[in-house]
Amino acid sequence: MIVEEIFNLVKYEIDDRAHIIVDTAKCANCDHKACVICCPAACYSWESGKLNFAYEACLECGTCEIVCDKKAIDWHYPRGGFGVCFRLT
């Protein structure tokens, strides 16, 4: 299975409170933008010298927090009942 196929097997209950907080001031000094490259859900993008982030499609893998050496990402699982629901059956 490839990552793109996963999106056909998930559903989301989107919370109005983000479970990921990004300190974009720290991102301004980032020279590699690993979160943009590594996020399988493409929640991060870099446009016009600014990081854009959308938590709604997050697959909750935590990769972004692991690869961010600037400690700009504060990642937690969503509140109970919210987030991604994998339907792999």
Protein backbone atom coordinates (compact mmCIF):
# COMPACT_ATOMS: atom_id res chain seq x y z
CA MET A 1 0.00 0.00 0.00
CA ILE A 2 1.26 3.47 -0.84
CA VAL A 3 0.66 6.56 1.29
CA GLU A 4 -1.80 8.09 -1.16
CA GLU A 5 -4.05 5.03 -0.81
CA ILE A 6 -4.31 5.56 2.95
CA PHE A 7 -6.48 8.62 2.39
CA ASN A 8 -9.16 6.35 0.92
CA LEU A 9 -9.16 4.36 4.16
CA VAL A 10 -9.49 7.13 6.74
CA LYS A 11 -12.12 9.48 8.01
CA TYR A 12 -11.68 12.54 10.18
CA GLU A 13 -13.55 14.07 13.08
CA ILE A 14 -12.09 17.55 12.98
CA ASP A 15 -11.74 19.40 16.27
CA ASP A 16 -11.99 23.18 16.33
CA ARG A 17 -8.87 23.15 18.53
CA ALA A 18 -5.62 22.26 16.79
CA HIS A 19 -3.66 19.40 18.32
CA ILE A 20 -0.46 20.79 16.81
CA ILE A 21 0.89 24.24 17.59
CA VAL A 22 3.64 25.61 15.35
CA ASP A 23 5.94 28.45 16.42
CA THR A 24 6.35 30.04 13.00
CA ALA A 25 8.92 32.50 14.33
CA LYS A 26 11.32 29.57 14.80
CA CYS A 27 10.42 28.27 11.32
CA ALA A 28 11.62 31.48 9.71
CA ASN A 29 15.22 30.46 10.48
CA CYS A 30 14.85 26.87 9.28
CA ASP A 31 17.21 25.96 6.47
CA HIS A 32 15.86 22.49 5.60
CA LYS A 33 12.07 22.61 6.14
CA ALA A 34 11.97 18.92 7.03
CA CYS A 35 8.33 19.08 8.14
CA VAL A 36 7.28 20.08 4.61
CA ILE A 37 9.24 17.21 3.11
CA CYS A 38 8.37 14.50 5.66
CA CYS A 39 4.67 15.00 6.42
CA PRO A 40 2.80 12.20 4.60
CA ALA A 41 -0.45 14.18 4.72
CA ALA A 42 1.14 17.35 3.30
CA CYS A 43 -0.11 19.43 6.24
CA TYR A 44 2.87 21.77 5.89
CA SER A 45 3.76 24.02 2.97
CA TRP A 46 6.23 26.83 2.48
CA GLU A 47 5.02 29.78 0.43
CA SER A 48 6.40 33.29 0.05
CA GLY A 49 8.89 32.75 2.87
CA LYS A 50 6.22 31.65 5.33
CA LEU A 51 5.20 28.28 6.74
CA ASN A 52 1.54 27.38 6.24
CA PHE A 53 0.03 24.63 8.33
CA ALA A 54 -3.33 22.82 8.28
CA TYR A 55 -3.88 20.27 11.07
CA GLU A 56 -7.22 19.01 9.75
CA ALA A 57 -5.75 16.28 7.49
CA CYS A 58 -3.10 15.11 9.99
CA LEU A 59 -2.56 11.34 10.08
CA GLU A 60 -1.23 11.63 13.66
CA CYS A 61 2.10 9.99 12.90
CA GLY A 62 4.18 12.56 14.82
CA THR A 63 6.86 12.73 12.13
CA CYS A 64 6.80 16.52 12.04
CA GLU A 65 7.73 16.86 15.71
CA ILE A 66 10.51 14.29 15.37
CA VAL A 67 12.17 15.91 12.33
CA CYS A 68 11.91 19.50 13.62
CA ASP A 69 15.29 20.27 15.16
CA LYS A 70 14.17 23.84 15.95
CA LYS A 71 11.61 22.59 18.51
CA ALA A 72 8.99 24.69 16.71
CA ILE A 73 6.29 21.99 16.74
CA ASP A 74 4.26 21.14 19.83
CA TRP A 75 2.43 17.94 18.85
CA HIS A 76 -0.19 16.05 20.88
CA TYR A 77 -2.88 13.58 19.99
CA PRO A 78 -6.28 15.21 19.42
CA ARG A 79 -8.85 15.25 22.19
CA GLY A 80 -10.89 12.09 22.58
CA GLY A 81 -13.33 11.50 19.74
CA PHE A 82 -11.45 13.75 17.32
CA GLY A 83 -8.74 13.16 14.75
CA VAL A 84 -8.17 10.45 12.23
CA CYS A 85 -9.98 7.11 12.22
CA PHE A 86 -8.24 4.43 10.16
CA ARG A 87 -10.57 1.98 8.41
CA LEU A 88 -8.20 -0.75 7.29
CA THR A 89 -10.72 -3.59 7.23
